[in-house]
Amino acid sequence: MSAGVRIPQGDDTVKVELTVKEAMALAGAKFPNNHNIEVSARKKLNLIIEDHYIEDHRPVN
C-alpha cells in the first residue's frame, strides 16, 4: 500500500525552458551517447520545483 503525495497548489503551473533534446529525453527518447541531456532536463525541473514550491513553504525561524 502506498501513500499518495499531497501537494497544496498542485494544479498551479510553472514554466521551464528546455531544449528540444531535453524535452524528448523526458518524454522517453533515448540518447545513448549523451546521458547528460536527461540529467540536465531533470536538474532544471528540480530547480523550478525547489524555487517555486519548497522555498515558499519552508517554516520561518
N, C-alpha and C. Protein backbone atom coordinates (compact mmCIF):
# COMPACT_ATOMS: atom_id res chain seq x y z
N MET A 1 0.84 -1.17 0.00
CA MET A 1 0.00 0.00 0.00
C MET A 1 0.89 1.24 0.00
N SER A 2 0.62 2.13 -0.91
CA SER A 2 1.44 3.33 -0.99
C SER A 2 0.60 4.56 -0.65
N ALA A 3 1.21 5.47 0.04
CA ALA A 3 0.54 6.71 0.39
C ALA A 3 0.64 7.69 -0.76
N GLY A 4 -0.42 8.40 -1.04
CA GLY A 4 -0.41 9.39 -2.11
C GLY A 4 0.33 10.65 -1.68
N VAL A 5 0.87 11.33 -2.62
CA VAL A 5 1.58 12.56 -2.35
C VAL A 5 0.57 13.70 -2.41
N ARG A 6 0.55 14.51 -1.38
CA ARG A 6 -0.35 15.65 -1.34
C ARG A 6 0.46 16.92 -1.52
N ILE A 7 0.11 17.68 -2.53
CA ILE A 7 0.83 18.91 -2.82
C ILE A 7 -0.18 20.05 -2.89
N PRO A 8 -0.19 20.92 -1.89
CA PRO A 8 -1.08 22.08 -1.97
C PRO A 8 -0.71 22.91 -3.22
N GLN A 9 -1.66 23.46 -3.85
CA GLN A 9 -1.48 24.22 -5.10
C GLN A 9 -0.85 23.35 -6.17
N GLY A 10 -1.12 22.06 -6.17
CA GLY A 10 -0.52 21.13 -7.11
C GLY A 10 -0.98 21.33 -8.54
N ASP A 11 -2.05 22.09 -8.74
CA ASP A 11 -2.53 22.36 -10.09
C ASP A 11 -2.00 23.68 -10.64
N ASP A 12 -1.19 24.39 -9.86
CA ASP A 12 -0.57 25.62 -10.35
C ASP A 12 0.38 25.27 -11.50
N THR A 13 0.70 26.24 -12.31
CA THR A 13 1.60 25.99 -13.44
C THR A 13 2.95 26.67 -13.19
N VAL A 14 3.98 26.08 -13.76
CA VAL A 14 5.31 26.65 -13.75
C VAL A 14 5.86 26.56 -15.16
N LYS A 15 6.80 27.39 -15.47
CA LYS A 15 7.43 27.37 -16.79
C LYS A 15 8.88 26.94 -16.65
N VAL A 16 9.27 26.02 -17.52
CA VAL A 16 10.63 25.52 -17.54
C VAL A 16 11.12 25.61 -18.98
N GLU A 17 12.30 26.17 -19.17
CA GLU A 17 12.86 26.27 -20.51
C GLU A 17 13.77 25.08 -20.75
N LEU A 18 13.37 24.23 -21.70
CA LEU A 18 14.13 23.04 -22.06
C LEU A 18 14.51 23.10 -23.52
N THR A 19 15.61 22.46 -23.87
CA THR A 19 15.93 22.31 -25.29
C THR A 19 15.02 21.21 -25.85
N VAL A 20 14.93 21.11 -27.15
CA VAL A 20 14.11 20.08 -27.77
C VAL A 20 14.62 18.70 -27.35
N LYS A 21 15.93 18.53 -27.32
CA LYS A 21 16.50 17.24 -26.92
C LYS A 21 16.16 16.91 -25.48
N GLU A 22 16.19 17.91 -24.58
CA GLU A 22 15.83 17.67 -23.18
C GLU A 22 14.37 17.24 -23.06
N ALA A 23 13.49 17.92 -23.77
CA ALA A 23 12.08 17.55 -23.74
C ALA A 23 11.88 16.14 -24.27
N MET A 24 12.58 15.80 -25.34
CA MET A 24 12.48 14.45 -25.91
C MET A 24 12.99 13.41 -24.92
N ALA A 25 14.08 13.71 -24.22
CA ALA A 25 14.63 12.78 -23.24
C ALA A 25 13.64 12.53 -22.11
N LEU A 26 12.97 13.58 -21.64
CA LEU A 26 11.99 13.40 -20.59
C LEU A 26 10.76 12.64 -21.08
N ALA A 27 10.48 12.74 -22.36
CA ALA A 27 9.34 12.02 -22.94
C ALA A 27 9.68 10.57 -23.24
N GLY A 28 10.94 10.18 -23.07
CA GLY A 28 11.31 8.79 -23.24
C GLY A 28 12.26 8.49 -24.38
N ALA A 29 12.65 9.49 -25.16
CA ALA A 29 13.61 9.25 -26.24
C ALA A 29 14.96 8.90 -25.63
N LYS A 30 15.67 8.01 -26.26
CA LYS A 30 16.97 7.57 -25.75
C LYS A 30 18.10 8.25 -26.52
N PHE A 31 19.08 8.74 -25.80
CA PHE A 31 20.28 9.33 -26.37
C PHE A 31 21.46 8.56 -25.78
N PRO A 32 21.76 7.38 -26.34
CA PRO A 32 22.76 6.51 -25.74
C PRO A 32 24.16 7.11 -25.65
N ASN A 33 24.49 8.03 -26.51
CA ASN A 33 25.82 8.63 -26.48
C ASN A 33 25.91 9.88 -25.62
N ASN A 34 24.77 10.32 -25.07
CA ASN A 34 24.78 11.55 -24.28
C ASN A 34 23.73 11.49 -23.18
N HIS A 35 24.08 10.86 -22.07
CA HIS A 35 23.17 10.75 -20.93
C HIS A 35 22.97 12.11 -20.26
N ASN A 36 23.87 13.06 -20.50
CA ASN A 36 23.79 14.37 -19.86
C ASN A 36 22.54 15.15 -20.26
N ILE A 37 21.94 14.82 -21.38
CA ILE A 37 20.73 15.54 -21.83
C ILE A 37 19.61 15.32 -20.83
N GLU A 38 19.35 14.07 -20.47
CA GLU A 38 18.28 13.80 -19.50
C GLU A 38 18.63 14.34 -18.11
N VAL A 39 19.89 14.24 -17.73
CA VAL A 39 20.33 14.76 -16.44
C VAL A 39 20.09 16.26 -16.37
N SER A 40 20.43 16.97 -17.42
CA SER A 40 20.24 18.42 -17.47
C SER A 40 18.76 18.79 -17.36
N ALA A 41 17.91 18.06 -18.06
CA ALA A 41 16.48 18.34 -18.02
C ALA A 41 15.92 18.10 -16.63
N ARG A 42 16.32 17.02 -16.00
CA ARG A 42 15.82 16.71 -14.65
C ARG A 42 16.30 17.75 -13.64
N LYS A 43 17.53 18.23 -13.80
CA LYS A 43 18.03 19.28 -12.91
C LYS A 43 17.19 20.55 -13.03
N LYS A 44 16.84 20.90 -14.27
CA LYS A 44 16.02 22.09 -14.49
C LYS A 44 14.66 21.94 -13.83
N LEU A 45 14.06 20.75 -13.94
CA LEU A 45 12.77 20.51 -13.31
C LEU A 45 12.88 20.58 -11.79
N ASN A 46 13.92 19.96 -11.24
CA ASN A 46 14.10 20.00 -9.79
C ASN A 46 14.31 21.42 -9.28
N LEU A 47 15.08 22.21 -10.01
CA LEU A 47 15.32 23.60 -9.60
C LEU A 47 14.04 24.42 -9.60
N ILE A 48 13.21 24.24 -10.62
CA ILE A 48 11.98 25.03 -10.70
C ILE A 48 11.03 24.64 -9.58
N ILE A 49 11.00 23.35 -9.24
CA ILE A 49 10.15 22.90 -8.14
C ILE A 49 10.65 23.48 -6.83
N GLU A 50 11.95 23.42 -6.60
CA GLU A 50 12.51 23.98 -5.38
C GLU A 50 12.27 25.48 -5.28
N ASP A 51 12.50 26.18 -6.38
CA ASP A 51 12.35 27.64 -6.37
C ASP A 51 10.91 28.09 -6.17
N HIS A 52 9.96 27.40 -6.77
CA HIS A 52 8.58 27.86 -6.73
C HIS A 52 7.72 27.19 -5.67
N TYR A 53 8.14 26.08 -5.14
CA TYR A 53 7.32 25.43 -4.14
C TYR A 53 8.01 25.29 -2.80
N ILE A 54 9.14 24.66 -2.77
CA ILE A 54 9.79 24.35 -1.50
C ILE A 54 10.23 25.61 -0.77
N GLU A 55 10.81 26.56 -1.47
CA GLU A 55 11.28 27.80 -0.84
C GLU A 55 10.12 28.59 -0.25
N ASP A 56 8.95 28.59 -0.92
CA ASP A 56 7.81 29.36 -0.44
C ASP A 56 7.15 28.75 0.77
N HIS A 57 7.38 27.48 1.04
CA HIS A 57 6.67 26.80 2.10
C HIS A 57 7.56 26.31 3.24
N ARG A 58 8.78 26.82 3.31
CA ARG A 58 9.65 26.47 4.43
C ARG A 58 9.23 27.28 5.65
N PRO A 59 9.29 26.68 6.84
CA PRO A 59 8.93 27.43 8.04
C PRO A 59 9.91 28.57 8.29
N VAL A 60 9.40 29.66 8.79
CA VAL A 60 10.24 30.83 9.09
C VAL A 60 10.68 30.71 10.54
N ASN A 61 11.98 30.84 10.80
CA ASN A 61 12.51 30.75 12.17
C ASN A 61 12.69 32.12 12.75
